[in-house]
Amino acid sequence: MHSNLLISGFSDEISSDFDIQLDTVAKLGMNYISLRGIDGRNIGDFTVEDIRRTVLPKLQKAGIGISSIGSPIGKIFINDEAGFLEQKRMLEVICKISILLDCKYIRIFSFYIPKGEDPDPFGDAVIRKLKEFTAIAEKYDVVLLHENEKEIYGDIGRRCLEILKKVDSGNFKAIFDFANFVQCGENTQYCYNLLKGEVMYIHIKDAITERNQNVLCGTGDGRIPEILSQLINEGYKGFLTLEPHLAEFDSLKDLELEDAMWFIENKGLDGKSGYKLQYEALLKILEKIDNEERLAWKK
């Protein structure tokens, strides 16, 4: 595997038990996780002292680093002003947690749009609030990574590019999530071409357009092998973060406005098995890309 690539993952998809999360990723040979759900609690519910006392020692003992904080920042409705003020307070805490954990990246979103309404007229409000979040990130010198999530303002490539250009900060960059673009009816190659200058982090999650369900990476319509090959050839340095969504897990209820179980194809799979399957599938994709590169050099 290319030395520029580091594999991470949302380990709360393995189990809500943090000890089981760490044990599983260590046995797989992984050195990083994206921190989101810890013993049934969302990262946004922790204080800095909570993390210092209960989480950091376990990470240090396991030899596991943090690739990103999987925060819920921006996953509120755009017109929820009280929620926005609370999230600004939460982001201050999460920035301090990031520094404690020697983590550069915090995953955020660009607000839910009222159901049935056209997102575009909300653009100015979205940009204004994202700039306020970014000002907090700049103060702590961390990078907010916008995820192209379903049902938020930045769900499609065009609006993702808009907010990245208008926020215009080195502390606000893009996550590229293959499955989310597929589930929004987007062409992932088109979105990659549009956003690649702003992409700083990759989520490894795939989906099938026809059934709108998450599937093993490389078996859906996300074009994961092709786009990863392009990323590597263009010099991408950074994390590939597993977000399998192949099995039910406790944090799933926090990630969707409505019941998310229908997104999962194999409902009988457990978290450990789903995570291992996704990890091994990614390794096979990367091995194939490496082999193709070696053959190309020989010609």
C-alpha atoms as a PDB file:
ATOM      1  CA  MET A   1       0.000   0.000   0.000  1.00  0.00           C
ATOM      2  CA  HIS A   2       1.185   3.528  -0.745  1.00  0.00           C
ATOM      3  CA  SER A   3       3.036   5.088   2.198  1.00  0.00           C
ATOM      4  CA  ASN A   4       1.026   8.306   1.708  1.00  0.00           C
ATOM      5  CA  LEU A   5      -2.208   6.516   2.644  1.00  0.00           C
ATOM      6  CA  LEU A   6      -3.401   5.820   6.166  1.00  0.00           C
ATOM      7  CA  ILE A   7      -6.454   3.656   6.864  1.00  0.00           C
ATOM      8  CA  SER A   8      -8.807   4.728   9.616  1.00  0.00           C
ATOM      9  CA  GLY A   9     -12.458   4.080  10.382  1.00  0.00           C
ATOM     10  CA  PHE A  10     -15.531   4.902  12.426  1.00  0.00           C
ATOM     11  CA  SER A  11     -14.914   2.248  15.027  1.00  0.00           C
ATOM     12  CA  ASP A  12     -18.300   2.723  16.712  1.00  0.00           C
ATOM     13  CA  GLU A  13     -19.693   0.661  13.822  1.00  0.00           C
ATOM     14  CA  ILE A  14     -17.904  -2.297  15.426  1.00  0.00           C
ATOM     15  CA  SER A  15     -19.510  -1.966  18.848  1.00  0.00           C
ATOM     16  CA  SER A  16     -20.688   0.706  21.258  1.00  0.00           C
ATOM     17  CA  ASP A  17     -18.109  -0.672  23.726  1.00  0.00           C
ATOM     18  CA  PHE A  18     -14.937   1.397  23.287  1.00  0.00           C
ATOM     19  CA  ASP A  19     -12.681  -1.398  24.533  1.00  0.00           C
ATOM     20  CA  ILE A  20     -14.063  -3.736  21.872  1.00  0.00           C
ATOM     21  CA  GLN A  21     -13.579  -1.021  19.229  1.00  0.00           C
ATOM     22  CA  LEU A  22      -9.907  -0.613  20.111  1.00  0.00           C
ATOM     23  CA  ASP A  23      -9.253  -4.342  20.411  1.00  0.00           C
ATOM     24  CA  THR A  24     -10.834  -5.028  17.015  1.00  0.00           C
ATOM     25  CA  VAL A  25      -8.975  -2.337  15.055  1.00  0.00           C
ATOM     26  CA  ALA A  26      -5.674  -3.292  16.717  1.00  0.00           C
ATOM     27  CA  LYS A  27      -6.141  -6.931  15.717  1.00  0.00           C
ATOM     28  CA  LEU A  28      -6.856  -5.838  12.137  1.00  0.00           C
ATOM     29  CA  GLY A  29      -3.552  -3.954  12.146  1.00  0.00           C
ATOM     30  CA  MET A  30      -5.070  -0.471  12.022  1.00  0.00           C
ATOM     31  CA  ASN A  31      -3.405   2.437  13.808  1.00  0.00           C
ATOM     32  CA  TYR A  32      -6.149   5.084  13.602  1.00  0.00           C
ATOM     33  CA  ILE A  33      -9.855   5.547  14.229  1.00  0.00           C
ATOM     34  CA  SER A  34     -12.332   8.341  13.638  1.00  0.00           C
ATOM     35  CA  LEU A  35     -13.810   9.132  17.039  1.00  0.00           C
ATOM     36  CA  ARG A  36     -17.618   9.389  17.089  1.00  0.00           C
ATOM     37  CA  GLY A  37     -19.383   7.002  19.512  1.00  0.00           C
ATOM     38  CA  ILE A  38     -17.747   6.003  22.794  1.00  0.00           C
ATOM     39  CA  ASP A  39     -19.497   3.572  25.143  1.00  0.00           C
ATOM     40  CA  GLY A  40     -22.878   4.637  23.810  1.00  0.00           C
ATOM     41  CA  ARG A  41     -22.196   8.391  24.030  1.00  0.00           C
ATOM     42  CA  ASN A  42     -21.631  10.753  21.123  1.00  0.00           C
ATOM     43  CA  ILE A  43     -18.341  12.653  21.092  1.00  0.00           C
ATOM     44  CA  GLY A  44     -20.331  15.896  21.326  1.00  0.00           C
ATOM     45  CA  ASP A  45     -21.504  14.901  24.807  1.00  0.00           C
ATOM     46  CA  PHE A  46     -17.994  14.688  26.260  1.00  0.00           C
ATOM     47  CA  THR A  47     -15.982  17.329  28.084  1.00  0.00           C
ATOM     48  CA  VAL A  48     -12.253  17.754  27.613  1.00  0.00           C
ATOM     49  CA  GLU A  49     -11.720  16.312  31.090  1.00  0.00           C
ATOM     50  CA  ASP A  50     -13.908  13.281  30.234  1.00  0.00           C
ATOM     51  CA  ILE A  51     -11.643  12.529  27.276  1.00  0.00           C
ATOM     52  CA  ARG A  52      -8.455  13.158  29.238  1.00  0.00           C
ATOM     53  CA  ARG A  53      -9.555  10.861  32.037  1.00  0.00           C
ATOM     54  CA  THR A  54     -11.401   8.011  30.287  1.00  0.00           C
ATOM     55  CA  VAL A  55     -10.542   7.955  26.571  1.00  0.00           C
ATOM     56  CA  LEU A  56      -6.969   9.148  26.117  1.00  0.00           C
ATOM     57  CA  PRO A  57      -5.409   6.524  28.422  1.00  0.00           C
ATOM     58  CA  LYS A  58      -7.140   3.731  26.496  1.00  0.00           C
ATOM     59  CA  LEU A  59      -5.965   5.135  23.158  1.00  0.00           C
ATOM     60  CA  GLN A  60      -2.413   5.405  24.437  1.00  0.00           C
ATOM     61  CA  LYS A  61      -2.443   1.873  25.828  1.00  0.00           C
ATOM     62  CA  ALA A  62      -3.776   0.477  22.523  1.00  0.00           C
ATOM     63  CA  GLY A  63      -1.385   2.573  20.412  1.00  0.00           C
ATOM     64  CA  ILE A  64      -4.287   3.987  18.408  1.00  0.00           C
ATOM     65  CA  GLY A  65      -4.343   7.546  17.035  1.00  0.00           C
ATOM     66  CA  ILE A  66      -7.295   9.701  16.004  1.00  0.00           C
ATOM     67  CA  SER A  67      -7.658  10.588  12.332  1.00  0.00           C
ATOM     68  CA  SER A  68     -10.704  12.810  12.816  1.00  0.00           C
ATOM     69  CA  ILE A  69     -13.420  13.722  15.266  1.00  0.00           C
ATOM     70  CA  GLY A  70     -16.773  12.561  13.879  1.00  0.00           C
ATOM     71  CA  SER A  71     -18.736  15.442  15.340  1.00  0.00           C
ATOM     72  CA  PRO A  72     -22.464  16.192  14.944  1.00  0.00           C
ATOM     73  CA  ILE A  73     -21.698  19.866  14.248  1.00  0.00           C
ATOM     74  CA  GLY A  74     -24.000  21.237  11.540  1.00  0.00           C
ATOM     75  CA  LYS A  75     -26.471  18.372  11.813  1.00  0.00           C
ATOM     76  CA  ILE A  76     -29.326  20.603  12.930  1.00  0.00           C
ATOM     77  CA  PHE A  77     -31.965  22.451  10.929  1.00  0.00           C
ATOM     78  CA  ILE A  78     -30.774  25.686   9.375  1.00  0.00           C
ATOM     79  CA  ASN A  79     -33.510  27.688  11.147  1.00  0.00           C
ATOM     80  CA  ASP A  80     -32.703  26.273  14.630  1.00  0.00           C
ATOM     81  CA  GLU A  81     -31.040  29.337  16.149  1.00  0.00           C
ATOM     82  CA  ALA A  82     -30.898  27.978  19.698  1.00  0.00           C
ATOM     83  CA  GLY A  83     -29.354  24.772  18.378  1.00  0.00           C
ATOM     84  CA  PHE A  84     -26.771  26.778  16.438  1.00  0.00           C
ATOM     85  CA  LEU A  85     -25.654  28.665  19.547  1.00  0.00           C
ATOM     86  CA  GLU A  86     -25.353  25.379  21.426  1.00  0.00           C
ATOM     87  CA  GLN A  87     -23.323  23.880  18.588  1.00  0.00           C
ATOM     88  CA  LYS A  88     -20.907  26.814  18.613  1.00  0.00           C
ATOM     89  CA  ARG A  89     -20.321  26.086  22.295  1.00  0.00           C
ATOM     90  CA  MET A  90     -19.923  22.369  21.500  1.00  0.00           C
ATOM     91  CA  LEU A  91     -17.437  23.107  18.710  1.00  0.00           C
ATOM     92  CA  GLU A  92     -15.215  25.054  21.118  1.00  0.00           C
ATOM     93  CA  VAL A  93     -15.060  21.956  23.331  1.00  0.00           C
ATOM     94  CA  ILE A  94     -14.453  19.591  20.395  1.00  0.00           C
ATOM     95  CA  CYS A  95     -11.614  21.793  19.139  1.00  0.00           C
ATOM     96  CA  LYS A  96      -9.967  21.503  22.567  1.00  0.00           C
ATOM     97  CA  ILE A  97     -10.523  17.724  22.484  1.00  0.00           C
ATOM     98  CA  SER A  98      -8.879  17.599  19.050  1.00  0.00           C
ATOM     99  CA  ILE A  99      -5.802  19.366  20.385  1.00  0.00           C
ATOM    100  CA  LEU A 100      -5.651  17.005  23.362  1.00  0.00           C
ATOM    101  CA  LEU A 101      -5.813  14.003  21.015  1.00  0.00           C
ATOM    102  CA  ASP A 102      -3.305  15.457  18.524  1.00  0.00           C
ATOM    103  CA  CYS A 103      -5.997  15.381  15.846  1.00  0.00           C
ATOM    104  CA  LYS A 104      -6.136  17.932  13.035  1.00  0.00           C
ATOM    105  CA  TYR A 105      -9.588  17.222  11.575  1.00  0.00           C
ATOM    106  CA  ILE A 106     -13.189  17.657  12.743  1.00  0.00           C
ATOM    107  CA  ARG A 107     -16.028  16.337  10.548  1.00  0.00           C
ATOM    108  CA  ILE A 108     -19.021  18.683  10.244  1.00  0.00           C
ATOM    109  CA  PHE A 109     -22.183  19.156   8.151  1.00  0.00           C
ATOM    110  CA  SER A 110     -23.996  22.061   6.474  1.00  0.00           C
ATOM    111  CA  PHE A 111     -27.424  21.945   8.150  1.00  0.00           C
ATOM    112  CA  TYR A 112     -30.661  20.140   7.434  1.00  0.00           C
ATOM    113  CA  ILE A 113     -33.079  21.945   5.128  1.00  0.00           C
ATOM    114  CA  PRO A 114     -36.796  22.013   6.077  1.00  0.00           C
ATOM    115  CA  LYS A 115     -38.486  18.997   4.487  1.00  0.00           C
ATOM    116  CA  GLY A 116     -39.941  19.663   1.057  1.00  0.00           C
ATOM    117  CA  GLU A 117     -38.239  23.036   0.584  1.00  0.00           C
ATOM    118  CA  ASP A 118     -35.750  24.041  -2.118  1.00  0.00           C
ATOM    119  CA  PRO A 119     -32.289  24.185  -0.482  1.00  0.00           C
ATOM    120  CA  ASP A 120     -30.835  26.941  -2.699  1.00  0.00           C
ATOM    121  CA  PRO A 121     -32.592  29.926  -1.025  1.00  0.00           C
ATOM    122  CA  PHE A 122     -30.981  28.904   2.285  1.00  0.00           C
ATOM    123  CA  GLY A 123     -27.464  29.314   0.872  1.00  0.00           C
ATOM    124  CA  ASP A 124     -26.678  32.694   2.447  1.00  0.00           C
ATOM    125  CA  ALA A 125     -27.717  31.522   5.917  1.00  0.00           C
ATOM    126  CA  VAL A 126     -25.686  28.317   5.520  1.00  0.00           C
ATOM    127  CA  ILE A 127     -22.561  30.215   4.448  1.00  0.00           C
ATOM    128  CA  ARG A 128     -22.885  32.721   7.312  1.00  0.00           C
ATOM    129  CA  LYS A 129     -23.147  29.979   9.923  1.00  0.00           C
ATOM    130  CA  LEU A 130     -20.366  27.888   8.408  1.00  0.00           C
ATOM    131  CA  LYS A 131     -18.116  30.955   8.521  1.00  0.00           C
ATOM    132  CA  GLU A 132     -18.870  31.305  12.231  1.00  0.00           C
ATOM    133  CA  PHE A 133     -17.911  27.662  12.762  1.00  0.00           C
ATOM    134  CA  THR A 134     -14.756  28.209  10.707  1.00  0.00           C
ATOM    135  CA  ALA A 135     -13.741  31.230  12.777  1.00  0.00           C
ATOM    136  CA  ILE A 136     -13.735  28.949  15.831  1.00  0.00           C
ATOM    137  CA  ALA A 137     -11.616  26.365  13.979  1.00  0.00           C
ATOM    138  CA  GLU A 138      -9.150  29.067  12.915  1.00  0.00           C
ATOM    139  CA  LYS A 139      -8.727  30.103  16.544  1.00  0.00           C
ATOM    140  CA  TYR A 140      -7.632  26.569  17.457  1.00  0.00           C
ATOM    141  CA  ASP A 141      -5.820  25.858  14.158  1.00  0.00           C
ATOM    142  CA  VAL A 142      -7.880  22.784  13.323  1.00  0.00           C
ATOM    143  CA  VAL A 143      -9.555  21.923  10.016  1.00  0.00           C
ATOM    144  CA  LEU A 144     -13.298  21.480   9.652  1.00  0.00           C
ATOM    145  CA  LEU A 145     -14.100  18.804   7.087  1.00  0.00           C
ATOM    146  CA  HIS A 146     -17.495  19.137   5.423  1.00  0.00           C
ATOM    147  CA  GLU A 147     -19.197  15.821   4.714  1.00  0.00           C
ATOM    148  CA  ASN A 148     -21.573  15.635   1.740  1.00  0.00           C
ATOM    149  CA  GLU A 149     -24.411  14.130   3.742  1.00  0.00           C
ATOM    150  CA  LYS A 150     -27.943  13.383   2.563  1.00  0.00           C
ATOM    151  CA  GLU A 151     -30.658  15.985   3.261  1.00  0.00           C
ATOM    152  CA  ILE A 152     -28.255  18.780   4.266  1.00  0.00           C
ATOM    153  CA  TYR A 153     -27.504  21.863   2.167  1.00  0.00           C
ATOM    154  CA  GLY A 154     -24.192  20.493   0.887  1.00  0.00           C
ATOM    155  CA  ASP A 155     -25.570  17.160  -0.263  1.00  0.00           C
ATOM    156  CA  ILE A 156     -24.745  17.493  -3.974  1.00  0.00           C
ATOM    157  CA  GLY A 157     -21.524  18.423  -5.731  1.00  0.00           C
ATOM    158  CA  ARG A 158     -22.643  21.854  -6.930  1.00  0.00           C
ATOM    159  CA  ARG A 159     -23.623  23.076  -3.472  1.00  0.00           C
ATOM    160  CA  CYS A 160     -20.546  21.488  -1.866  1.00  0.00           C
ATOM    161  CA  LEU A 161     -18.350  23.510  -4.205  1.00  0.00           C
ATOM    162  CA  GLU A 162     -20.367  26.652  -3.481  1.00  0.00           C
ATOM    163  CA  ILE A 163     -19.852  26.502   0.276  1.00  0.00           C
ATOM    164  CA  LEU A 164     -16.169  25.590  -0.022  1.00  0.00           C
ATOM    165  CA  LYS A 165     -15.496  28.538  -2.327  1.00  0.00           C
ATOM    166  CA  LYS A 166     -17.572  31.022  -0.321  1.00  0.00           C
ATOM    167  CA  VAL A 167     -16.260  30.043   3.105  1.00  0.00           C
ATOM    168  CA  ASP A 168     -12.807  30.225   1.483  1.00  0.00           C
ATOM    169  CA  SER A 169     -10.575  29.115   4.343  1.00  0.00           C
ATOM    170  CA  GLY A 170      -7.715  26.693   4.785  1.00  0.00           C
ATOM    171  CA  ASN A 171      -9.541  25.603   7.932  1.00  0.00           C
ATOM    172  CA  PHE A 172     -12.624  24.469   5.984  1.00  0.00           C
ATOM    173  CA  LYS A 173     -12.167  21.648   3.488  1.00  0.00           C
ATOM    174  CA  ALA A 174     -14.067  18.696   2.013  1.00  0.00           C
ATOM    175  CA  ILE A 175     -14.644  15.067   2.842  1.00  0.00           C
ATOM    176  CA  PHE A 176     -15.467  12.951  -0.192  1.00  0.00           C
ATOM    177  CA  ASP A 177     -18.113  10.363   0.695  1.00  0.00           C
ATOM    178  CA  PHE A 178     -18.885   8.096  -2.268  1.00  0.00           C
ATOM    179  CA  ALA A 179     -22.095   6.517  -0.975  1.00  0.00           C
ATOM    180  CA  ASN A 180     -23.721   9.778   0.057  1.00  0.00           C
ATOM    181  CA  PHE A 181     -23.287  11.188  -3.446  1.00  0.00           C
ATOM    182  CA  VAL A 182     -24.731   7.989  -4.932  1.00  0.00           C
ATOM    183  CA  GLN A 183     -27.737   8.179  -2.598  1.00  0.00           C
ATOM    184  CA  CYS A 184     -28.331  11.781  -3.678  1.00  0.00           C
ATOM    185  CA  GLY A 185     -28.418  10.735  -7.345  1.00  0.00           C
ATOM    186  CA  GLU A 186     -25.018  12.270  -8.106  1.00  0.00           C
ATOM    187  CA  ASN A 187     -22.310  10.939 -10.430  1.00  0.00           C
ATOM    188  CA  THR A 188     -19.276  10.427  -8.186  1.00  0.00           C
ATOM    189  CA  GLN A 189     -16.756  10.977 -10.990  1.00  0.00           C
ATOM    190  CA  TYR A 190     -18.372  14.312 -11.845  1.00  0.00           C
ATOM    191  CA  CYS A 191     -18.345  15.289  -8.134  1.00  0.00           C
ATOM    192  CA  TYR A 192     -14.716  14.275  -7.763  1.00  0.00           C
ATOM    193  CA  ASN A 193     -13.700  16.329 -10.797  1.00  0.00           C
ATOM    194  CA  LEU A 194     -15.607  19.270  -9.353  1.00  0.00           C
ATOM    195  CA  LEU A 195     -14.251  19.070  -5.804  1.00  0.00           C
ATOM    196  CA  LYS A 196     -10.830  17.447  -5.975  1.00  0.00           C
ATOM    197  CA  GLY A 197      -8.989  20.699  -5.311  1.00  0.00           C
ATOM    198  CA  GLU A 198     -10.799  20.950  -1.957  1.00  0.00           C
ATOM    199  CA  VAL A 199     -10.847  17.289  -0.852  1.00  0.00           C
ATOM    200  CA  MET A 200      -8.691  16.603   2.199  1.00  0.00           C
ATOM    201  CA  TYR A 201     -10.243  13.393   3.548  1.00  0.00           C
ATOM    202  CA  ILE A 202     -11.944  10.294   2.142  1.00  0.00           C
ATOM    203  CA  HIS A 203     -14.786   8.179   3.524  1.00  0.00           C
ATOM    204  CA  ILE A 204     -14.852   4.602   2.258  1.00  0.00           C
ATOM    205  CA  LYS A 205     -18.555   3.844   1.919  1.00  0.00           C
ATOM    206  CA  ASP A 206     -20.349   2.533  -1.173  1.00  0.00           C
ATOM    207  CA  ALA A 207     -23.963   2.289  -2.290  1.00  0.00           C
ATOM    208  CA  ILE A 208     -26.134   1.001  -5.121  1.00  0.00           C
ATOM    209  CA  THR A 209     -28.297   3.552  -6.925  1.00  0.00           C
ATOM    210  CA  GLU A 210     -31.085   1.134  -7.809  1.00  0.00           C
ATOM    211  CA  ARG A 211     -31.779   0.033  -4.213  1.00  0.00           C
ATOM    212  CA  ASN A 212     -30.215   3.089  -2.548  1.00  0.00           C
ATOM    213  CA  GLN A 213     -28.511   0.744  -0.091  1.00  0.00           C
ATOM    214  CA  ASN A 214     -25.009   0.635   1.329  1.00  0.00           C
ATOM    215  CA  VAL A 215     -22.881  -2.224   0.039  1.00  0.00           C
ATOM    216  CA  LEU A 216     -19.316  -3.498   0.378  1.00  0.00           C
ATOM    217  CA  CYS A 217     -16.847  -0.947  -0.975  1.00  0.00           C
ATOM    218  CA  GLY A 218     -16.064  -1.488  -4.636  1.00  0.00           C
ATOM    219  CA  THR A 219     -19.319  -3.359  -5.329  1.00  0.00           C
ATOM    220  CA  GLY A 220     -21.621  -0.344  -5.668  1.00  0.00           C
ATOM    221  CA  ASP A 221     -21.984   2.679  -7.931  1.00  0.00           C
ATOM    222  CA  GLY A 222     -19.506   4.886  -6.081  1.00  0.00           C
ATOM    223  CA  ARG A 223     -16.639   4.163  -8.511  1.00  0.00           C
ATOM    224  CA  ILE A 224     -14.375   3.743  -5.493  1.00  0.00           C
ATOM    225  CA  PRO A 225     -11.540   1.797  -7.232  1.00  0.00           C
ATOM    226  CA  GLU A 226     -11.395   4.194 -10.180  1.00  0.00           C
ATOM    227  CA  ILE A 227     -11.452   7.371  -8.099  1.00  0.00           C
ATOM    228  CA  LEU A 228      -8.995   6.055  -5.509  1.00  0.00           C
ATOM    229  CA  SER A 229      -6.624   5.266  -8.371  1.00  0.00           C
ATOM    230  CA  GLN A 230      -6.957   8.850  -9.592  1.00  0.00           C
ATOM    231  CA  LEU A 231      -6.416  10.219  -6.089  1.00  0.00           C
ATOM    232  CA  ILE A 232      -3.258   8.176  -5.640  1.00  0.00           C
ATOM    233  CA  ASN A 233      -1.875   9.146  -9.047  1.00  0.00           C
ATOM    234  CA  GLU A 234      -2.580  12.793  -8.284  1.00  0.00           C
ATOM    235  CA  GLY A 235      -0.573  12.577  -5.058  1.00  0.00           C
ATOM    236  CA  TYR A 236      -3.264  12.344  -2.382  1.00  0.00           C
ATOM    237  CA  LYS A 237      -1.732  12.118   1.084  1.00  0.00           C
ATOM    238  CA  GLY A 238      -4.014  11.322   3.963  1.00  0.00           C
ATOM    239  CA  PHE A 239      -6.695   9.119   5.431  1.00  0.00           C
ATOM    240  CA  LEU A 240      -9.051   6.600   3.911  1.00  0.00           C
ATOM    241  CA  THR A 241     -11.683   6.215   6.613  1.00  0.00           C
ATOM    242  CA  LEU A 242     -13.941   3.165   6.728  1.00  0.00           C
ATOM    243  CA  GLU A 243     -17.608   3.931   7.255  1.00  0.00           C
ATOM    244  CA  PRO A 244     -19.069   0.589   6.197  1.00  0.00           C
ATOM    245  CA  HIS A 245     -22.766   0.970   7.107  1.00  0.00           C
ATOM    246  CA  LEU A 246     -23.002  -2.763   6.445  1.00  0.00           C
ATOM    247  CA  ALA A 247     -24.493  -3.700   9.813  1.00  0.00           C
ATOM    248  CA  GLU A 248     -26.722  -2.108  12.428  1.00  0.00           C
ATOM    249  CA  PHE A 249     -24.837  -0.180  15.105  1.00  0.00           C
ATOM    250  CA  ASP A 250     -25.895   1.931  18.072  1.00  0.00           C
ATOM    251  CA  SER A 251     -24.760   5.306  16.680  1.00  0.00           C
ATOM    252  CA  LEU A 252     -26.822   4.816  13.514  1.00  0.00           C
ATOM    253  CA  LYS A 253     -29.831   6.409  15.174  1.00  0.00           C
ATOM    254  CA  ASP A 254     -27.876   9.687  15.483  1.00  0.00           C
ATOM    255  CA  LEU A 255     -26.918   9.851  11.810  1.00  0.00           C
ATOM    256  CA  GLU A 256     -30.234  10.048   9.950  1.00  0.00           C
ATOM    257  CA  LEU A 257     -33.403  12.115  10.200  1.00  0.00           C
ATOM    258  CA  GLU A 258     -35.497   8.989   9.622  1.00  0.00           C
ATOM    259  CA  ASP A 259     -35.060   5.241  10.115  1.00  0.00           C
ATOM    260  CA  ALA A 260     -31.730   4.377   8.515  1.00  0.00           C
ATOM    261  CA  MET A 261     -31.949   0.570   8.668  1.00  0.00           C
ATOM    262  CA  TRP A 262     -33.337   0.368   5.165  1.00  0.00           C
ATOM    263  CA  PHE A 263     -29.977   1.657   3.875  1.00  0.00           C
ATOM    264  CA  ILE A 264     -28.312  -1.531   5.129  1.00  0.00           C
ATOM    265  CA  GLU A 265     -28.354  -4.458   2.738  1.00  0.00           C
ATOM    266  CA  ASN A 266     -27.307  -7.313   5.058  1.00  0.00           C
ATOM    267  CA  LYS A 267     -29.205  -6.779   8.303  1.00  0.00           C
ATOM    268  CA  GLY A 268     -27.904 -10.055   9.780  1.00  0.00           C
ATOM    269  CA  LEU A 269     -24.259  -8.951   9.758  1.00  0.00           C
ATOM    270  CA  ASP A 270     -22.689  -7.896  13.070  1.00  0.00           C
ATOM    271  CA  GLY A 271     -20.488  -4.838  13.530  1.00  0.00           C
ATOM    272  CA  LYS A 272     -17.171  -6.667  13.783  1.00  0.00           C
ATOM    273  CA  SER A 273     -17.839  -8.723  10.653  1.00  0.00           C
ATOM    274  CA  GLY A 274     -19.023  -5.748   8.624  1.00  0.00           C
ATOM    275  CA  TYR A 275     -16.017  -3.679   9.617  1.00  0.00           C
ATOM    276  CA  LYS A 276     -13.564  -6.506   8.802  1.00  0.00           C
ATOM    277  CA  LEU A 277     -15.227  -7.087   5.426  1.00  0.00           C
ATOM    278  CA  GLN A 278     -14.918  -3.409   4.519  1.00  0.00           C
ATOM    279  CA  TYR A 279     -11.289  -3.248   5.660  1.00  0.00           C
ATOM    280  CA  GLU A 280     -10.299  -6.326   3.664  1.00  0.00           C
ATOM    281  CA  ALA A 281     -12.209  -5.107   0.589  1.00  0.00           C
ATOM    282  CA  LEU A 282     -10.356  -1.785   0.732  1.00  0.00           C
ATOM    283  CA  LEU A 283      -7.005  -3.564   1.024  1.00  0.00           C
ATOM    284  CA  LYS A 284      -7.851  -5.608  -2.083  1.00  0.00           C
ATOM    285  CA  ILE A 285      -8.758  -2.443  -4.004  1.00  0.00           C
ATOM    286  CA  LEU A 286      -5.472  -0.797  -3.004  1.00  0.00           C
ATOM    287  CA  GLU A 287      -3.505  -3.945  -3.872  1.00  0.00           C
ATOM    288  CA  LYS A 288      -5.110  -4.011  -7.318  1.00  0.00           C
ATOM    289  CA  ILE A 289      -4.230  -0.348  -7.868  1.00  0.00           C
ATOM    290  CA  ASP A 290      -0.623  -1.064  -6.815  1.00  0.00           C
ATOM    291  CA  ASN A 291      -0.397  -4.012  -9.225  1.00  0.00           C
ATOM    292  CA  GLU A 292      -1.794  -1.945 -12.095  1.00  0.00           C
ATOM    293  CA  GLU A 293       0.759   0.765 -11.393  1.00  0.00           C
ATOM    294  CA  ARG A 294       3.629  -1.731 -11.392  1.00  0.00           C
ATOM    295  CA  LEU A 295       2.467  -3.173 -14.713  1.00  0.00           C
ATOM    296  CA  ALA A 296       2.220   0.306 -16.195  1.00  0.00           C
ATOM    297  CA  TRP A 297       5.802   1.070 -15.141  1.00  0.00           C
ATOM    298  CA  LYS A 298       7.056  -2.098 -16.840  1.00  0.00           C
ATOM    299  CA  LYS A 299       5.539  -1.177 -20.190  1.00  0.00           C
END
